[in-house]
Amino acid sequence: MNIILHITQRQQWEEAKLSQAYRGDTLDTEGFIHCSTYQQLIKVANKFFFGQKELMILCIDCDRVQSEVKYEDADGDRFPHIYGALNVDAVIKVIEFESGENGKFELPGEMSNVK
C-alpha cells in the first residue's frame, strides 16, 4: 500500500465527508491537491501551517484514489499531487494535528504505523 498525506482544516474535512469528495484549497486554483510523503510532512507543516490549530492529516491510500496521482518536482524534492477531487473512501486514517506552543509541528504518535 502506497500512503500519501495531506494536511487540511478540520472544517474542510467535515464538509468533504458530507459530499464524499475533497477538493482542498488548491484544486480549483492550481489544478491539483498538494500532498506529501511521510518524510516530507513536518517540513511542509512548518512551512505552510506554522502555528495553526484545528488541522487534520489525511492518510490516503494511492491505490484507492480515483483521480490521477503524479509525483512532481518542487522545492528540490518530488511531491505527490492529486489531479482531481479526492474520493473520501481513499482516506484510510485521519489524525488530528496541531502545532506546539512554539508554533512548530512534530509527528503525532499515531503516525508511527503510517508509512
N, C-alpha and C. Protein backbone atom coordinates (compact mmCIF):
# COMPACT_ATOMS: atom_id res chain seq x y z
N MET A 1 0.85 -1.18 0.00
CA MET A 1 0.00 0.00 0.00
C MET A 1 0.90 1.24 0.00
N ASN A 2 0.64 2.16 -0.91
CA ASN A 2 1.38 3.41 -1.01
C ASN A 2 0.56 4.51 -0.36
N ILE A 3 1.06 5.04 0.75
CA ILE A 3 0.33 6.06 1.51
C ILE A 3 0.93 7.43 1.23
N ILE A 4 0.08 8.41 0.91
CA ILE A 4 0.48 9.81 0.83
C ILE A 4 -0.35 10.57 1.85
N LEU A 5 0.10 11.77 2.18
CA LEU A 5 -0.52 12.53 3.26
C LEU A 5 -0.93 13.91 2.77
N HIS A 6 -1.98 14.43 3.40
CA HIS A 6 -2.45 15.78 3.07
C HIS A 6 -2.90 16.44 4.37
N ILE A 7 -2.51 17.69 4.55
CA ILE A 7 -2.91 18.46 5.73
C ILE A 7 -4.07 19.36 5.33
N THR A 8 -5.11 19.37 6.16
CA THR A 8 -6.27 20.20 5.87
C THR A 8 -6.88 20.73 7.16
N GLN A 9 -7.74 21.70 7.01
CA GLN A 9 -8.50 22.22 8.14
C GLN A 9 -9.60 21.22 8.50
N ARG A 10 -9.88 21.10 9.78
CA ARG A 10 -10.93 20.18 10.24
C ARG A 10 -12.26 20.44 9.54
N GLN A 11 -12.64 21.69 9.38
CA GLN A 11 -13.91 22.05 8.76
C GLN A 11 -13.97 21.58 7.30
N GLN A 12 -12.88 21.71 6.57
CA GLN A 12 -12.86 21.25 5.17
C GLN A 12 -13.08 19.74 5.10
N TRP A 13 -12.47 19.00 6.02
CA TRP A 13 -12.63 17.55 6.01
C TRP A 13 -14.07 17.17 6.36
N GLU A 14 -14.66 17.85 7.33
CA GLU A 14 -16.06 17.56 7.70
C GLU A 14 -16.99 17.79 6.51
N GLU A 15 -16.75 18.86 5.77
CA GLU A 15 -17.57 19.15 4.59
C GLU A 15 -17.37 18.09 3.50
N ALA A 16 -16.13 17.65 3.34
CA ALA A 16 -15.83 16.63 2.32
C ALA A 16 -16.53 15.32 2.64
N LYS A 17 -16.59 14.95 3.90
CA LYS A 17 -17.25 13.69 4.27
C LYS A 17 -18.73 13.73 3.89
N LEU A 18 -19.34 14.88 3.98
CA LEU A 18 -20.76 15.00 3.60
C LEU A 18 -20.96 14.85 2.10
N SER A 19 -20.05 15.42 1.32
CA SER A 19 -20.19 15.38 -0.14
C SER A 19 -19.50 14.17 -0.77
N GLN A 20 -18.70 13.44 0.02
CA GLN A 20 -17.93 12.28 -0.44
C GLN A 20 -16.80 12.63 -1.40
N ALA A 21 -16.44 13.92 -1.48
CA ALA A 21 -15.32 14.35 -2.33
C ALA A 21 -14.61 15.51 -1.65
N TYR A 22 -13.28 15.48 -1.68
CA TYR A 22 -12.47 16.53 -1.08
C TYR A 22 -11.74 17.27 -2.18
N ARG A 23 -11.81 18.62 -2.14
CA ARG A 23 -11.18 19.43 -3.18
C ARG A 23 -10.02 20.25 -2.64
N GLY A 24 -9.94 20.45 -1.36
CA GLY A 24 -8.86 21.24 -0.77
C GLY A 24 -8.90 22.69 -1.21
N ASP A 25 -7.82 23.40 -0.89
CA ASP A 25 -7.72 24.82 -1.24
C ASP A 25 -7.17 25.07 -2.63
N THR A 26 -6.52 24.07 -3.21
CA THR A 26 -5.77 24.34 -4.44
C THR A 26 -6.26 23.64 -5.70
N LEU A 27 -7.21 22.75 -5.58
CA LEU A 27 -7.65 22.05 -6.79
C LEU A 27 -8.19 23.04 -7.82
N ASP A 28 -9.01 23.98 -7.39
CA ASP A 28 -9.59 24.94 -8.33
C ASP A 28 -8.59 26.00 -8.79
N THR A 29 -7.63 26.37 -7.94
CA THR A 29 -6.70 27.44 -8.29
C THR A 29 -5.43 26.94 -8.97
N GLU A 30 -4.96 25.71 -8.62
CA GLU A 30 -3.71 25.21 -9.18
C GLU A 30 -3.90 23.94 -10.01
N GLY A 31 -5.08 23.34 -9.94
CA GLY A 31 -5.37 22.16 -10.74
C GLY A 31 -5.06 20.84 -10.07
N PHE A 32 -4.58 20.88 -8.83
CA PHE A 32 -4.28 19.64 -8.11
C PHE A 32 -4.31 19.89 -6.61
N ILE A 33 -4.36 18.80 -5.86
CA ILE A 33 -4.31 18.84 -4.40
C ILE A 33 -2.89 18.48 -3.98
N HIS A 34 -2.26 19.36 -3.22
CA HIS A 34 -0.90 19.12 -2.73
C HIS A 34 -0.90 18.03 -1.67
N CYS A 35 0.04 17.10 -1.78
CA CYS A 35 0.22 16.06 -0.77
C CYS A 35 1.70 15.94 -0.46
N SER A 36 2.01 15.08 0.48
CA SER A 36 3.41 14.84 0.82
C SER A 36 3.59 13.39 1.23
N THR A 37 4.85 13.00 1.31
CA THR A 37 5.18 11.68 1.83
C THR A 37 5.37 11.81 3.34
N TYR A 38 5.50 10.68 3.98
CA TYR A 38 5.75 10.64 5.42
C TYR A 38 6.98 11.50 5.77
N GLN A 39 8.06 11.36 4.98
CA GLN A 39 9.30 12.07 5.25
C GLN A 39 9.18 13.57 5.02
N GLN A 40 8.25 14.02 4.20
CA GLN A 40 8.10 15.43 3.87
C GLN A 40 7.12 16.16 4.78
N LEU A 41 6.32 15.44 5.52
CA LEU A 41 5.17 16.02 6.24
C LEU A 41 5.54 17.16 7.18
N ILE A 42 6.51 16.98 8.05
CA ILE A 42 6.83 18.00 9.05
C ILE A 42 7.40 19.26 8.40
N LYS A 43 8.25 19.09 7.39
CA LYS A 43 8.79 20.24 6.68
C LYS A 43 7.65 21.07 6.06
N VAL A 44 6.72 20.39 5.42
CA VAL A 44 5.57 21.05 4.80
C VAL A 44 4.71 21.74 5.87
N ALA A 45 4.45 21.03 6.96
CA ALA A 45 3.61 21.59 8.03
C ALA A 45 4.22 22.87 8.60
N ASN A 46 5.51 22.84 8.88
CA ASN A 46 6.15 24.01 9.47
C ASN A 46 6.30 25.17 8.50
N LYS A 47 6.37 24.87 7.21
CA LYS A 47 6.50 25.94 6.21
C LYS A 47 5.15 26.60 5.91
N PHE A 48 4.10 25.79 5.77
CA PHE A 48 2.82 26.33 5.30
C PHE A 48 1.73 26.45 6.36
N PHE A 49 1.89 25.79 7.50
CA PHE A 49 0.83 25.77 8.51
C PHE A 49 1.32 26.22 9.88
N PHE A 50 2.48 26.84 9.96
CA PHE A 50 3.09 27.23 11.23
C PHE A 50 2.07 27.90 12.15
N GLY A 51 1.96 27.38 13.37
CA GLY A 51 1.10 27.97 14.39
C GLY A 51 -0.38 27.71 14.26
N GLN A 52 -0.80 26.99 13.24
CA GLN A 52 -2.23 26.77 13.04
C GLN A 52 -2.77 25.65 13.92
N LYS A 53 -4.03 25.73 14.22
CA LYS A 53 -4.73 24.73 15.02
C LYS A 53 -5.87 24.15 14.18
N GLU A 54 -6.55 23.15 14.73
CA GLU A 54 -7.71 22.54 14.07
C GLU A 54 -7.37 21.92 12.71
N LEU A 55 -6.18 21.33 12.63
CA LEU A 55 -5.76 20.68 11.39
C LEU A 55 -5.93 19.17 11.50
N MET A 56 -6.01 18.53 10.34
CA MET A 56 -6.11 17.08 10.24
C MET A 56 -5.10 16.59 9.20
N ILE A 57 -4.54 15.42 9.46
CA ILE A 57 -3.71 14.75 8.46
C ILE A 57 -4.56 13.66 7.82
N LEU A 58 -4.73 13.75 6.52
CA LEU A 58 -5.45 12.70 5.80
C LEU A 58 -4.41 11.70 5.30
N CYS A 59 -4.55 10.45 5.71
CA CYS A 59 -3.68 9.36 5.25
C CYS A 59 -4.40 8.69 4.09
N ILE A 60 -3.83 8.80 2.91
CA ILE A 60 -4.50 8.43 1.66
C ILE A 60 -3.83 7.22 1.03
N ASP A 61 -4.62 6.22 0.72
CA ASP A 61 -4.14 5.03 0.00
C ASP A 61 -4.20 5.34 -1.50
N CYS A 62 -3.04 5.50 -2.11
CA CYS A 62 -2.97 5.86 -3.54
C CYS A 62 -3.72 4.88 -4.43
N ASP A 63 -3.75 3.62 -4.04
CA ASP A 63 -4.42 2.61 -4.86
C ASP A 63 -5.94 2.83 -4.92
N ARG A 64 -6.47 3.56 -3.98
CA ARG A 64 -7.92 3.82 -3.93
C ARG A 64 -8.31 5.16 -4.55
N VAL A 65 -7.34 6.02 -4.82
CA VAL A 65 -7.63 7.36 -5.36
C VAL A 65 -8.12 7.22 -6.80
N GLN A 66 -9.28 7.77 -7.08
CA GLN A 66 -9.85 7.67 -8.42
C GLN A 66 -9.23 8.67 -9.40
N SER A 67 -8.77 9.81 -8.90
CA SER A 67 -8.10 10.81 -9.75
C SER A 67 -6.65 10.41 -9.94
N GLU A 68 -6.00 11.04 -10.92
CA GLU A 68 -4.60 10.73 -11.19
C GLU A 68 -3.69 11.30 -10.11
N VAL A 69 -2.72 10.51 -9.67
CA VAL A 69 -1.70 10.95 -8.71
C VAL A 69 -0.37 11.00 -9.46
N LYS A 70 0.28 12.17 -9.41
CA LYS A 70 1.57 12.36 -10.07
C LYS A 70 2.58 12.84 -9.03
N TYR A 71 3.81 12.34 -9.13
CA TYR A 71 4.92 12.85 -8.32
C TYR A 71 5.66 13.88 -9.17
N GLU A 72 5.77 15.09 -8.63
CA GLU A 72 6.37 16.18 -9.42
C GLU A 72 7.40 16.94 -8.59
N ASP A 73 8.38 17.50 -9.29
CA ASP A 73 9.44 18.25 -8.63
C ASP A 73 8.93 19.60 -8.12
N ALA A 74 9.31 19.90 -6.88
CA ALA A 74 9.02 21.20 -6.26
C ALA A 74 9.97 21.38 -5.09
N ASP A 75 10.57 22.53 -5.00
CA ASP A 75 11.48 22.85 -3.89
C ASP A 75 12.57 21.79 -3.70
N GLY A 76 13.10 21.27 -4.79
CA GLY A 76 14.19 20.31 -4.72
C GLY A 76 13.78 18.91 -4.27
N ASP A 77 12.50 18.60 -4.30
CA ASP A 77 12.01 17.30 -3.88
C ASP A 77 10.90 16.87 -4.84
N ARG A 78 10.44 15.63 -4.72
CA ARG A 78 9.32 15.13 -5.54
C ARG A 78 8.11 14.94 -4.63
N PHE A 79 7.07 15.70 -4.90
CA PHE A 79 5.85 15.67 -4.09
C PHE A 79 4.71 15.03 -4.84
N PRO A 80 3.86 14.27 -4.15
CA PRO A 80 2.66 13.72 -4.79
C PRO A 80 1.57 14.79 -4.92
N HIS A 81 0.94 14.82 -6.07
CA HIS A 81 -0.17 15.73 -6.34
C HIS A 81 -1.35 14.92 -6.88
N ILE A 82 -2.54 15.26 -6.42
CA ILE A 82 -3.75 14.59 -6.89
C ILE A 82 -4.46 15.50 -7.88
N TYR A 83 -4.58 15.05 -9.13
CA TYR A 83 -5.18 15.86 -10.19
C TYR A 83 -6.67 15.55 -10.32
N GLY A 84 -7.43 16.08 -9.41
CA GLY A 84 -8.87 15.91 -9.39
C GLY A 84 -9.33 15.81 -7.96
N ALA A 85 -10.62 15.72 -7.78
CA ALA A 85 -11.18 15.60 -6.43
C ALA A 85 -10.74 14.27 -5.81
N LEU A 86 -10.56 14.29 -4.52
CA LEU A 86 -10.18 13.09 -3.77
C LEU A 86 -11.45 12.41 -3.27
N ASN A 87 -11.66 11.18 -3.68
CA ASN A 87 -12.79 10.41 -3.15
C ASN A 87 -12.48 10.05 -1.70
N VAL A 88 -13.40 10.36 -0.79
CA VAL A 88 -13.12 10.22 0.64
C VAL A 88 -12.88 8.77 1.07
N ASP A 89 -13.33 7.80 0.29
CA ASP A 89 -13.08 6.42 0.68
C ASP A 89 -11.63 5.99 0.44
N ALA A 90 -10.83 6.86 -0.17
CA ALA A 90 -9.39 6.60 -0.30
C ALA A 90 -8.63 7.00 0.97
N VAL A 91 -9.28 7.74 1.85
CA VAL A 91 -8.66 8.17 3.10
C VAL A 91 -8.84 7.05 4.11
N ILE A 92 -7.72 6.45 4.50
CA ILE A 92 -7.79 5.28 5.38
C ILE A 92 -7.64 5.63 6.85
N LYS A 93 -7.13 6.83 7.14
CA LYS A 93 -6.97 7.26 8.52
C LYS A 93 -6.92 8.77 8.56
N VAL A 94 -7.49 9.36 9.61
CA VAL A 94 -7.46 10.80 9.81
C VAL A 94 -6.89 11.05 11.21
N ILE A 95 -5.88 11.92 11.28
CA ILE A 95 -5.20 12.18 12.54
C ILE A 95 -5.26 13.66 12.86
N GLU A 96 -5.66 14.01 14.08
CA GLU A 96 -5.66 15.41 14.50
C GLU A 96 -4.23 15.91 14.55
N PHE A 97 -4.04 17.18 14.17
CA PHE A 97 -2.69 17.72 14.00
C PHE A 97 -2.67 19.17 14.42
N GLU A 98 -1.95 19.49 15.48
CA GLU A 98 -1.83 20.87 15.94
C GLU A 98 -0.39 21.19 16.25
N SER A 99 -0.05 22.45 16.06
CA SER A 99 1.31 22.88 16.37
C SER A 99 1.49 22.95 17.88
N GLY A 100 2.74 22.90 18.29
CA GLY A 100 3.05 23.03 19.70
C GLY A 100 2.97 24.49 20.14
N GLU A 101 3.30 24.76 21.37
CA GLU A 101 3.24 26.13 21.88
C GLU A 101 4.19 27.06 21.14
N ASN A 102 5.26 26.52 20.58
CA ASN A 102 6.21 27.33 19.81
C ASN A 102 5.78 27.53 18.36
N GLY A 103 4.61 26.98 17.99
CA GLY A 103 4.09 27.12 16.63
C GLY A 103 4.54 26.05 15.67
N LYS A 104 5.54 25.23 16.09
CA LYS A 104 6.07 24.19 15.21
C LYS A 104 5.34 22.87 15.40
N PHE A 105 5.46 22.03 14.39
CA PHE A 105 4.81 20.72 14.40
C PHE A 105 5.82 19.61 14.67
N GLU A 106 5.32 18.53 15.25
CA GLU A 106 6.06 17.29 15.40
C GLU A 106 5.13 16.18 14.94
N LEU A 107 5.73 15.05 14.54
CA LEU A 107 4.91 13.92 14.12
C LEU A 107 4.07 13.42 15.28
N PRO A 108 2.77 13.31 15.09
CA PRO A 108 1.94 12.71 16.15
C PRO A 108 2.31 11.24 16.34
N GLY A 109 2.17 10.74 17.54
CA GLY A 109 2.48 9.34 17.82
C GLY A 109 1.71 8.37 16.94
N GLU A 110 0.51 8.76 16.54
CA GLU A 110 -0.33 7.89 15.70
C GLU A 110 0.28 7.68 14.31
N MET A 111 1.25 8.52 13.94
CA MET A 111 1.87 8.41 12.62
C MET A 111 2.89 7.29 12.54
N SER A 112 3.27 6.72 13.67
CA SER A 112 4.33 5.71 13.67
C SER A 112 3.99 4.49 12.84
N ASN A 113 2.71 4.16 12.68
CA ASN A 113 2.34 2.99 11.90
C ASN A 113 1.81 3.35 10.52
N VAL A 114 2.04 4.59 10.09
CA VAL A 114 1.60 5.06 8.76
C VAL A 114 2.85 5.39 7.95
N LYS A 115 3.12 4.60 6.92
CA LYS A 115 4.27 4.91 6.06
C LYS A 115 3.97 4.49 4.66
